[in-house]
Protein backbone atom coordinates (compact mmCIF):
# COMPACT_ATOMS: atom_id res chain seq x y z
CA MET A 1 -17.20 -0.09 10.96
CA SER A 2 -15.02 -1.28 13.81
CA ASP A 3 -12.55 0.87 15.72
CA ALA A 4 -9.24 1.63 14.09
CA MET A 5 -6.37 -0.71 14.94
CA PRO A 6 -3.02 0.63 16.13
CA ILE A 7 0.05 -0.06 14.05
CA THR A 8 3.03 -1.36 15.96
CA ASP A 9 6.24 0.70 15.71
CA PHE A 10 8.37 0.02 12.67
CA VAL A 11 11.33 1.31 10.66
CA LEU A 12 11.28 1.01 6.87
CA GLN A 13 13.20 2.60 4.01
CA ASP A 14 11.64 4.62 1.17
CA GLN A 15 12.68 4.64 -2.47
CA HIS A 16 15.05 7.54 -1.80
CA GLY A 17 16.92 5.67 0.96
CA ASN A 18 15.25 7.66 3.78
CA ARG A 19 13.87 6.17 7.00
CA PHE A 20 10.10 5.85 7.20
CA THR A 21 8.56 5.24 10.62
CA GLN A 22 5.24 5.29 12.45
CA ASP A 23 5.60 9.07 12.85
CA ASP A 24 5.49 9.47 9.06
CA LEU A 25 1.92 8.14 9.07
CA LEU A 26 0.65 10.89 11.36
CA GLY A 27 -1.37 13.82 10.07
CA LYS A 28 -2.38 12.34 6.69
CA TRP A 29 -4.46 9.52 5.30
CA HIS A 30 -2.51 6.69 3.64
CA ILE A 31 -3.57 4.04 1.14
CA VAL A 32 -1.22 1.05 1.26
CA ALA A 33 -0.84 -1.76 -1.25
CA ALA A 34 1.74 -4.54 -1.18
CA GLY A 35 3.50 -6.06 -4.17
CA TYR A 36 6.80 -6.26 -5.96
CA THR A 37 8.40 -4.91 -9.13
CA HIS A 38 9.09 -8.30 -10.74
CA CYS A 39 5.41 -9.23 -10.69
CA GLY A 40 4.10 -9.65 -14.20
CA ASP A 41 0.39 -9.14 -13.74
CA ILE A 42 -1.52 -7.99 -10.66
CA CYS A 43 1.10 -5.58 -9.23
CA PRO A 44 1.33 -3.39 -12.36
CA MET A 45 -2.47 -3.33 -12.50
CA THR A 46 -2.57 -2.37 -8.82
CA LEU A 47 -0.15 0.49 -9.40
CA LEU A 48 -2.12 1.63 -12.44
CA ALA A 49 -5.29 1.70 -10.29
CA LEU A 50 -3.39 3.64 -7.60
CA SER A 51 -2.09 6.17 -10.13
CA GLN A 52 -5.66 6.64 -11.37
CA PHE A 53 -6.77 6.94 -7.74
CA GLN A 54 -4.13 9.70 -7.40
CA ASP A 55 -5.83 11.45 -10.35
CA HIS A 56 -9.13 11.29 -8.46
CA LEU A 57 -7.42 12.80 -5.41
CA GLU A 58 -6.03 15.67 -7.47
CA GLN A 59 -9.55 16.53 -8.62
CA SER A 60 -10.97 16.39 -5.09
CA ALA A 61 -10.71 18.21 -1.80
CA PHE A 62 -8.47 15.37 -0.53
CA GLU A 63 -5.47 16.09 -2.75
CA ASP A 64 -3.13 17.36 -0.05
CA ASP A 65 -3.98 15.00 2.81
CA VAL A 66 -3.59 11.52 1.27
CA ASP A 67 -0.37 9.64 0.50
CA ILE A 68 -0.19 6.39 -1.44
CA ILE A 69 2.27 3.71 -0.31
CA PHE A 70 3.53 0.70 -2.26
CA TYR A 71 5.21 -1.75 0.14
CA THR A 72 7.47 -4.27 -1.56
CA VAL A 73 7.37 -7.86 -0.40
CA ASP A 74 10.64 -8.46 -2.31
CA PRO A 75 13.25 -6.16 -0.75
CA GLN A 76 16.13 -8.28 -2.04
CA ARG A 77 15.45 -7.32 -5.64
CA ASP A 78 13.50 -4.12 -4.97
CA THR A 79 16.30 -1.84 -3.91
CA PRO A 80 15.53 1.86 -3.38
CA GLN A 81 16.76 2.61 -6.92
CA VAL A 82 14.63 -0.14 -8.48
CA LEU A 83 11.57 1.04 -6.53
CA ALA A 84 12.16 4.67 -7.53
CA GLU A 85 12.50 3.84 -11.23
CA TYR A 86 9.53 1.48 -11.23
CA LEU A 87 7.14 3.75 -9.35
CA ALA A 88 8.06 6.69 -11.60
CA PHE A 89 6.34 4.86 -14.45
CA PHE A 90 3.03 4.97 -12.60
CA ALA A 91 2.93 8.05 -10.38
CA PRO A 92 5.93 9.89 -8.90
CA GLU A 93 3.87 10.72 -5.80
CA ILE A 94 3.66 7.06 -4.70
CA ILE A 95 5.90 6.27 -1.73
CA GLY A 96 7.80 3.03 -2.15
CA LEU A 97 8.71 1.25 1.08
CA ARG A 98 10.90 -1.75 1.87
CA LYS A 99 12.28 -3.48 4.91
CA VAL A 100 15.88 -2.83 5.82
CA GLU A 101 16.33 -5.11 8.80
CA GLU A 102 14.61 -8.31 9.80
CA VAL A 103 12.93 -7.09 12.97
CA THR A 104 12.14 -3.43 12.40
CA TYR A 105 9.60 -3.98 9.61
CA LEU A 106 7.44 -6.52 11.44
CA GLY A 107 5.23 -3.93 13.16
CA PHE A 108 4.14 -2.61 9.77
CA VAL A 109 3.68 -5.97 8.07
CA ASN A 110 1.93 -7.68 10.97
CA SER A 111 -0.33 -4.73 11.79
CA LEU A 112 -1.49 -4.55 8.15
CA ASN A 113 -1.66 -8.34 7.79
CA ILE A 114 0.65 -8.39 4.77
CA ILE A 115 1.48 -11.99 3.92
CA ALA A 116 4.10 -13.11 1.39
CA ILE A 117 5.04 -16.62 0.23
CA TYR A 118 8.24 -17.03 -1.78
CA GLU A 119 8.23 -19.67 -4.53
CA TYR A 120 11.69 -20.66 -5.75
CA GLU A 121 12.40 -22.57 -8.95
CA ALA A 122 14.78 -25.50 -8.48
CA THR A 123 16.95 -24.65 -11.48
CA ASN A 124 17.95 -21.04 -10.82
CA ASP A 125 17.75 -18.09 -8.47
CA ASN A 126 14.52 -16.81 -10.06
CA TYR A 127 11.53 -16.75 -7.77
CA SER A 128 8.03 -15.35 -7.55
CA VAL A 129 6.16 -14.03 -4.57
CA SER A 130 2.54 -14.71 -3.77
CA HIS A 131 1.19 -12.03 -1.46
CA SER A 132 -1.95 -10.71 0.16
CA PHE A 133 -3.97 -8.36 -2.00
CA ALA A 134 -5.95 -5.47 -0.53
CA PHE A 135 -5.80 -1.73 -0.02
CA MET A 136 -5.19 -0.76 3.59
CA VAL A 137 -6.45 2.62 4.72
CA ILE A 138 -4.52 4.30 7.51
CA ASN A 139 -6.13 7.30 9.21
CA PRO A 140 -4.34 10.53 10.22
CA GLU A 141 -3.78 9.10 13.71
CA GLY A 142 -1.53 6.44 12.15
CA LYS A 143 -4.02 3.60 12.75
CA LEU A 144 -5.42 1.02 10.37
CA GLN A 145 -8.93 2.34 9.65
CA ALA A 146 -10.09 -0.13 6.97
CA ILE A 147 -9.05 -2.84 4.58
CA LEU A 148 -10.59 -2.49 1.13
CA GLU A 149 -10.62 -5.63 -0.98
CA PRO A 150 -11.12 -5.47 -4.73
CA GLU A 151 -14.25 -6.91 -6.28
CA THR A 152 -13.92 -10.19 -8.11
CA ASN A 153 -15.52 -11.38 -11.29
CA PRO A 154 -17.39 -14.72 -11.51
CA PHE A 155 -14.07 -16.46 -12.23
CA GLY A 156 -12.49 -15.16 -9.01
CA ASP A 157 -10.20 -12.66 -10.76
CA ALA A 158 -9.70 -9.30 -9.06
CA ILE A 159 -11.30 -6.30 -10.67
CA LEU A 160 -9.29 -3.19 -9.98
CA SER A 161 -11.29 0.01 -10.24
CA SER A 162 -9.86 3.33 -9.19
CA ASP A 163 -13.42 4.70 -9.22
CA LEU A 164 -14.59 2.07 -6.74
CA LEU A 165 -11.47 2.54 -4.60
CA PHE A 166 -12.08 6.29 -4.47
CA GLU A 167 -15.76 5.85 -3.56
CA ASP A 168 -14.88 3.35 -0.82
CA PHE A 169 -12.18 5.68 0.49
CA LYS A 170 -14.65 8.58 0.66
CA GLN A 171 -17.04 6.40 2.69
CA VAL A 172 -14.27 5.41 5.11
CA ARG A 173 -13.32 9.07 5.56
CA GLN A 174 -16.93 10.09 6.12
CA ARG A 175 -17.47 7.39 8.76
CA TYR A 176 -14.25 8.42 10.47
CA SER A 177 -15.34 12.08 10.48
CA ASP A 178 -18.80 11.15 11.75
CA ALA A 179 -17.28 9.09 14.56
CA LYS A 180 -14.97 11.96 15.50
CA GLY A 181 -17.89 14.43 15.43
CA SER A 182 -16.29 16.68 12.83
C-alpha cells in the first residue's frame, strides 16, 4: 500500500445547506462514492451497498469513527433538498455533498480523481452523467488512503458487495494502523 495522498483544500455544501471543508474530514474515516440522484441504475445500487455497509459498521467496533459520503456529480439538479430526500431512502447517516462554486470544489474532485462527463440530448434539457466509479477511503488525517474498485463479472458489469467493501475497508484500516505502529 502506498502512502496516503493529501486532499487539496475545498469547500462543498452538504444536504442540509451547511459548509463542508477539509477540516470536516479530520478525526474520522470516510468512505466516498460519487453519483447523482437521477441515475437509474448504478447509483441506487451503490447507495444500497453503502447503506448495507453502514449496517456492517453498526455491528462492528468501527460504528462511531466512519462517515459515508455521497458526492453528487450533478449539482444543478441535486439541490440540498433533493439530496436530503434521496439519501433518506437509503441511510439517513450518509452525508450528501455538492459543489457550490466553480473553484472551491476542485480540490476535492481532483484529489479523489472524480471524473464526470455530461451527455445532453439534442431535443430537450434532459441529460445523463457518466462518472468514475469507485469507493475512496479517506483516513482520519484527511488524506486519501485507498481507492476500492468493485469487482466485475465476466461481462464487465460491476458487482457491488457490502460484505466485500467492509472486508476491504478493514484491511485498509489494519494496514494504516500497522504503519502508524498502533
